Amino acid sequence: MAHAIIGIFNDFDQANRAVGRLVQEGIPRTDIQVHGREAASTRVPDTAPDALLTGASGPDSASTIDAPREGEGTLARIERFFSNLFGSDDRPEEIGHYHEAVRRGSVLLTVEVAGEAQADVVRAALNDAGAVDIDERVAQWRSSGYSGYDPSAKEYSADEIAAERKAFPVVREDLAVGKREVQTGGVRVYSRATASPVSETVNLREEHASVERRPVDRPATADDLKEGFVEIRETQEQPVVAKTQRVVEEVIVGKEATEHTQTINDSVRGTEVEVERVREQNGGTDLSTTPRKPV
């Protein structure tokens, strides 16, 4: 069973870009139809597919769409298009919104698809080409007094279209926190020779010869008359100094990394847009303000 995917674009240039994107995705050109106030539809199919609007399907039976009729306006053609799809009763509310979009200068693009897989491809292509979010657009209209499509309402003039689509930028400033490495200091290690005074105590021993004379009174013997000698050597200990080197400590030089979390507190700037609804009351102007939060 065939379906129709419907997209809204601000102008024909956007719609034509969408058509080119769809053709690149493999959608036959004959399955694409464009409706706008400034030109007739680019194709009129022999039979109408079931409509797929915001995920809902239309009637099961297909109906015939006539060729453009002489003197028929764009809104009338679109009305006939949707009438063939849904009939005249129990239409989805979205149908009136699509009418209102064309009345306000937008372009309606419809694509026949054979199944849900192809429908997903078409939706993605339309979104990438800049299709309007109809719900957001309707919300903007409602803030200016729109309550539903009025078939008797006049089509917007070029000035009215330009005034409605005048863009007021809503600016949002983003905070981006990154990291950079900076030099915070360091250490420099030197190795040099040093000399420090030290003192040690040592006991030294000395030997000295001693000669003692003592008086005696005895008779002399033969041994006393013999010649001889005795040699006594004197000794003395002296300090001897020796030095040895020992490694008593090592200094290891390197780096170690640590991490910590820091919270950045700042403020970001932006703009917000206020919509003022102007109503004439008792000869004066009544302003009601609807603030819109910044993005």
Protein backbone atom coordinates (compact mmCIF):
# COMPACT_ATOMS: atom_id res chain seq x y z
CA MET A 1 0.00 0.00 0.00
CA ALA A 2 1.40 3.40 -1.02
CA HIS A 3 1.66 6.37 1.31
CA ALA A 4 2.32 10.07 0.86
CA ILE A 5 4.91 11.97 2.88
CA ILE A 6 4.17 15.70 3.13
CA GLY A 7 6.78 18.40 3.73
CA ILE A 8 6.53 22.18 4.05
CA PHE A 9 9.25 24.54 2.76
CA ASN A 10 9.60 28.30 2.96
CA ASP A 11 10.04 28.79 -0.80
CA PHE A 12 10.42 27.03 -4.13
CA ASP A 13 14.23 27.10 -3.98
CA GLN A 14 14.18 24.97 -0.85
CA ALA A 15 11.53 22.70 -2.30
CA ASN A 16 13.53 22.23 -5.51
CA ARG A 17 16.64 21.37 -3.49
CA ALA A 18 14.54 18.80 -1.64
CA VAL A 19 13.39 17.35 -4.95
CA GLY A 20 17.00 17.00 -6.08
CA ARG A 21 17.90 15.31 -2.81
CA LEU A 22 15.00 12.88 -3.15
CA VAL A 23 15.99 11.98 -6.71
CA GLN A 24 19.55 11.31 -5.49
CA GLU A 25 18.10 8.96 -2.89
CA GLY A 26 16.43 6.97 -5.67
CA ILE A 27 12.88 8.38 -5.45
CA PRO A 28 11.35 8.55 -8.96
CA ARG A 29 10.71 12.11 -10.07
CA THR A 30 7.21 11.13 -11.09
CA ASP A 31 6.39 10.30 -7.45
CA ILE A 32 7.15 13.85 -6.27
CA GLN A 33 4.61 16.67 -6.41
CA VAL A 34 5.13 20.34 -5.45
CA HIS A 35 2.33 22.82 -4.69
CA GLY A 36 2.88 26.54 -4.30
CA ARG A 37 1.14 29.83 -4.87
CA GLU A 38 3.52 30.96 -7.60
CA ALA A 39 3.28 27.93 -9.85
CA ALA A 40 1.04 24.99 -10.58
CA SER A 41 1.91 21.59 -9.17
CA THR A 42 4.84 19.94 -10.92
CA ARG A 43 3.01 16.61 -11.33
CA VAL A 44 -0.53 15.34 -11.05
CA PRO A 45 -0.63 11.56 -10.42
CA ASP A 46 -3.27 9.31 -11.91
CA THR A 47 -4.28 7.95 -8.50
CA ALA A 48 -3.87 9.32 -5.04
CA PRO A 49 -1.90 7.35 -2.41
CA ASP A 50 -2.96 6.90 1.15
CA ALA A 51 -1.81 9.93 3.16
CA LEU A 52 0.78 9.55 5.90
CA LEU A 53 0.52 12.61 8.14
CA THR A 54 2.58 12.69 11.32
CA GLY A 55 2.63 8.91 11.37
CA ALA A 56 -1.09 8.33 10.72
CA SER A 57 -2.54 6.73 7.60
CA GLY A 58 -5.47 8.03 5.61
CA PRO A 59 -8.32 6.12 3.98
CA ASP A 60 -7.52 2.71 2.58
CA SER A 61 -9.09 3.36 -0.80
CA ALA A 62 -7.23 5.44 -3.40
CA SER A 63 -9.09 8.21 -5.23
CA THR A 64 -8.52 10.09 -8.45
CA ILE A 65 -6.83 13.52 -8.54
CA ASP A 66 -7.93 15.65 -11.44
CA ALA A 67 -5.59 17.74 -13.56
CA PRO A 68 -5.35 21.48 -12.75
CA ARG A 69 -8.48 23.28 -13.81
CA GLU A 70 -8.56 26.56 -15.65
CA GLY A 71 -8.69 29.53 -13.28
CA GLU A 72 -8.24 27.35 -10.23
CA GLY A 73 -6.05 28.87 -7.50
CA THR A 74 -3.33 27.12 -5.59
CA LEU A 75 -5.35 26.78 -2.39
CA ALA A 76 -8.23 25.33 -4.35
CA ARG A 77 -5.93 22.78 -5.97
CA ILE A 78 -4.53 21.80 -2.57
CA GLU A 79 -8.06 21.55 -1.16
CA ARG A 80 -8.98 19.21 -4.00
CA PHE A 81 -5.78 17.24 -3.39
CA PHE A 82 -6.61 16.65 0.26
CA SER A 83 -10.28 16.06 -0.47
CA ASN A 84 -9.30 13.21 -2.77
CA LEU A 85 -7.07 11.80 -0.03
CA PHE A 86 -9.36 12.15 2.98
CA GLY A 87 -12.75 13.13 1.74
CA SER A 88 -14.62 16.12 3.12
CA ASP A 89 -15.35 14.83 6.64
CA ASP A 90 -13.23 13.89 9.65
CA ARG A 91 -10.03 15.37 8.30
CA PRO A 92 -6.93 15.46 10.50
CA GLU A 93 -6.27 18.89 12.00
CA GLU A 94 -2.93 18.98 10.20
CA ILE A 95 -4.70 19.46 6.86
CA GLY A 96 -5.83 22.94 7.87
CA HIS A 97 -2.30 23.77 9.03
CA TYR A 98 -0.92 22.80 5.61
CA HIS A 99 -3.51 25.01 3.96
CA GLU A 100 -2.51 27.87 6.28
CA ALA A 101 1.17 27.35 5.48
CA VAL A 102 0.55 27.71 1.75
CA ARG A 103 -1.72 30.73 2.38
CA ARG A 104 1.23 32.32 4.20
CA GLY A 105 3.58 31.71 1.28
CA SER A 106 5.05 28.26 2.00
CA VAL A 107 5.44 25.47 -0.55
CA LEU A 108 3.88 22.03 -0.10
CA LEU A 109 5.82 18.96 -1.28
CA THR A 110 4.35 15.47 -1.36
CA VAL A 111 6.15 12.20 -2.09
CA GLU A 112 4.57 8.83 -2.81
CA VAL A 113 6.39 5.99 -1.01
CA ALA A 114 5.92 2.26 -1.29
CA GLY A 115 6.67 1.29 2.30
CA GLU A 116 7.96 2.36 5.70
CA ALA A 117 11.63 1.80 4.75
CA GLN A 118 11.32 4.22 1.83
CA ALA A 119 9.30 6.57 4.04
CA ASP A 120 12.22 6.83 6.48
CA VAL A 121 14.56 7.72 3.61
CA VAL A 122 12.15 10.42 2.40
CA ARG A 123 11.68 11.91 5.88
CA ALA A 124 15.44 12.13 6.39
CA ALA A 125 15.94 13.75 2.97
CA LEU A 126 13.21 16.34 3.61
CA ASN A 127 14.63 17.23 7.03
CA ASP A 128 18.13 17.58 5.61
CA ALA A 129 16.76 19.87 2.88
CA GLY A 130 15.28 22.23 5.51
CA ALA A 131 11.67 21.13 5.83
CA VAL A 132 9.70 23.25 8.31
CA ASP A 133 8.55 21.73 11.60
CA ILE A 134 4.85 22.32 11.14
CA ASP A 135 4.15 22.03 14.89
CA GLU A 136 6.65 24.78 15.72
CA ARG A 137 5.32 26.96 12.91
CA VAL A 138 1.74 26.53 14.15
CA ALA A 139 2.84 27.45 17.69
CA GLN A 140 4.27 30.71 16.29
CA TRP A 141 1.03 31.42 14.49
CA ARG A 142 -1.02 30.78 17.61
CA SER A 143 1.06 33.33 19.53
CA SER A 144 -0.17 35.90 16.98
CA GLY A 145 -3.83 34.92 17.20
CA TYR A 146 -4.13 31.95 14.81
CA SER A 147 -6.88 29.57 15.89
CA GLY A 148 -7.28 27.46 12.77
CA TYR A 149 -7.40 27.65 8.99
CA ASP A 150 -10.01 30.02 7.59
CA PRO A 151 -10.77 29.26 3.90
CA SER A 152 -12.13 32.79 3.46
CA ALA A 153 -8.90 34.45 4.64
CA LYS A 154 -6.86 36.26 1.99
CA GLU A 155 -3.51 34.99 0.89
CA TYR A 156 -0.51 36.78 2.38
CA SER A 157 1.13 39.45 0.28
CA ALA A 158 4.89 39.44 -0.34
CA ASP A 159 5.35 42.15 2.31
CA GLU A 160 3.31 40.21 4.84
CA ILE A 161 5.33 37.06 4.16
CA ALA A 162 8.62 38.94 4.57
CA ALA A 163 7.42 40.60 7.78
CA GLU A 164 6.31 37.30 9.32
CA ARG A 165 9.55 35.57 8.45
CA LYS A 166 11.80 38.35 9.67
CA ALA A 167 14.36 36.55 11.77
CA PHE A 168 15.30 37.61 15.28
CA PRO A 169 18.33 35.56 16.26
CA VAL A 170 18.32 33.78 19.58
CA VAL A 171 21.96 33.67 20.56
CA ARG A 172 23.45 31.08 22.85
CA GLU A 173 27.00 31.30 24.08
CA ASP A 174 28.62 27.96 24.79
CA LEU A 175 31.31 27.41 27.38
CA ALA A 176 34.15 25.21 26.15
CA VAL A 177 36.64 24.08 28.77
CA GLY A 178 39.90 22.61 27.50
CA LYS A 179 43.34 21.96 28.86
CA ARG A 180 46.81 23.30 28.11
CA GLU A 181 50.15 22.43 29.64
CA VAL A 182 52.20 25.23 31.22
CA GLN A 183 55.58 25.25 32.95
CA THR A 184 55.16 25.67 36.71
CA GLY A 185 58.76 25.13 37.83
CA GLY A 186 61.13 22.23 38.26
CA VAL A 187 64.28 20.96 40.00
CA ARG A 188 67.92 20.97 38.90
CA VAL A 189 70.24 18.44 40.54
CA TYR A 190 74.03 18.97 40.76
CA SER A 191 76.72 16.51 41.88
CA ARG A 192 79.97 18.04 43.19
CA ALA A 193 82.89 17.01 45.45
CA THR A 194 82.94 18.29 49.02
CA ALA A 195 85.47 18.21 51.90
CA SER A 196 84.48 18.30 55.53
CA PRO A 197 86.81 18.33 58.59
CA VAL A 198 86.67 15.22 60.77
CA SER A 199 88.52 14.16 63.93
CA GLU A 200 89.24 10.73 65.36
CA THR A 201 91.02 9.75 68.66
CA VAL A 202 93.64 6.99 68.74
CA ASN A 203 95.82 5.67 71.66
CA LEU A 204 99.51 5.48 70.77
CA ARG A 205 102.04 3.35 72.77
CA GLU A 206 105.71 4.20 73.35
CA GLU A 207 108.52 2.07 74.84
CA HIS A 208 111.57 3.81 76.33
CA ALA A 209 114.82 2.32 77.74
CA SER A 210 115.32 2.84 81.43
CA VAL A 211 118.69 2.78 83.26
CA GLU A 212 118.76 2.40 87.01
CA ARG A 213 121.81 2.41 89.28
CA ARG A 214 121.54 0.95 92.74
CA PRO A 215 124.27 0.61 95.39
CA VAL A 216 125.31 -2.91 96.50
CA ASP A 217 128.03 -4.30 98.83
CA ARG A 218 128.98 -7.92 98.19
CA PRO A 219 132.10 -9.83 97.20
CA ALA A 220 132.84 -9.90 93.44
CA THR A 221 132.70 -13.17 91.58
CA ALA A 222 134.26 -14.35 88.37
CA ASP A 223 131.07 -13.52 86.46
CA ASP A 224 131.18 -10.03 87.74
CA LEU A 225 134.58 -9.66 86.11
CA LYS A 226 133.40 -10.82 82.60
CA GLU A 227 132.79 -8.22 79.85
CA GLY A 228 129.46 -7.96 77.98
CA PHE A 229 126.72 -5.67 76.75
CA VAL A 230 122.91 -5.36 76.54
CA GLU A 231 121.05 -3.39 73.86
CA ILE A 232 117.56 -2.05 74.66
CA ARG A 233 115.52 -0.63 71.70
CA GLU A 234 112.96 2.04 72.26
CA THR A 235 109.64 1.91 70.23
CA GLN A 236 106.86 4.38 69.50
CA GLU A 237 103.47 3.96 67.78
CA GLN A 238 102.52 6.58 65.19
CA PRO A 239 99.06 7.18 63.70
CA VAL A 240 98.45 5.88 60.16
CA VAL A 241 95.56 7.45 58.13
CA ALA A 242 93.76 5.55 55.35
CA LYS A 243 90.60 6.59 53.50
CA THR A 244 87.95 4.48 51.76
CA GLN A 245 84.85 5.64 49.80
CA ARG A 246 81.39 4.19 50.39
CA VAL A 247 78.05 5.08 48.75
CA VAL A 248 75.66 5.95 51.57
CA GLU A 249 72.70 7.45 49.59
CA GLU A 250 71.30 7.75 46.06
CA VAL A 251 69.23 10.69 44.72
CA ILE A 252 66.71 9.51 42.08
CA VAL A 253 65.58 12.27 39.69
CA GLY A 254 62.31 11.75 37.73
CA LYS A 255 58.69 12.90 37.37
CA GLU A 256 55.39 11.64 38.69
CA ALA A 257 51.93 12.73 37.48
CA THR A 258 48.88 13.46 39.61
CA GLU A 259 45.37 14.50 38.58
CA HIS A 260 42.74 16.63 40.23
CA THR A 261 39.29 17.87 39.26
CA GLN A 262 38.64 21.59 39.05
CA THR A 263 35.22 23.18 38.61
CA ILE A 264 35.09 26.18 36.25
CA ASN A 265 32.47 28.76 37.22
CA ASP A 266 31.66 31.32 34.55
CA SER A 267 28.68 32.90 32.82
CA VAL A 268 27.53 32.62 29.22
CA ARG A 269 25.75 35.35 27.33
CA GLY A 270 22.77 35.07 25.03
CA THR A 271 19.69 36.83 23.79
CA GLU A 272 16.02 36.15 24.22
CA VAL A 273 13.18 37.19 21.95
CA GLU A 274 9.87 38.51 23.27
CA VAL A 275 6.75 38.38 21.14
CA GLU A 276 4.28 41.21 21.74
CA ARG A 277 0.74 40.73 20.60
CA VAL A 278 -0.83 44.06 19.66
CA ARG A 279 -4.62 44.48 19.89
CA GLU A 280 -6.64 47.59 19.34
CA GLN A 281 -8.92 48.24 22.33
CA ASN A 282 -11.12 51.29 23.01
CA GLY A 283 -9.21 53.41 20.59
CA GLY A 284 -5.87 52.53 22.18
CA THR A 285 -3.27 49.84 21.83
CA ASP A 286 -3.26 46.87 24.19
CA LEU A 287 0.11 45.10 24.36
CA SER A 288 0.40 41.63 25.83
CA THR A 289 3.86 40.19 26.08
CA THR A 290 4.69 36.53 25.71
CA PRO A 291 8.30 36.02 26.77
CA ARG A 292 10.27 33.26 25.15
CA LYS A 293 13.03 31.61 27.10
CA PRO A 294 16.49 31.72 25.59
CA VAL A 295 17.74 28.53 24.02
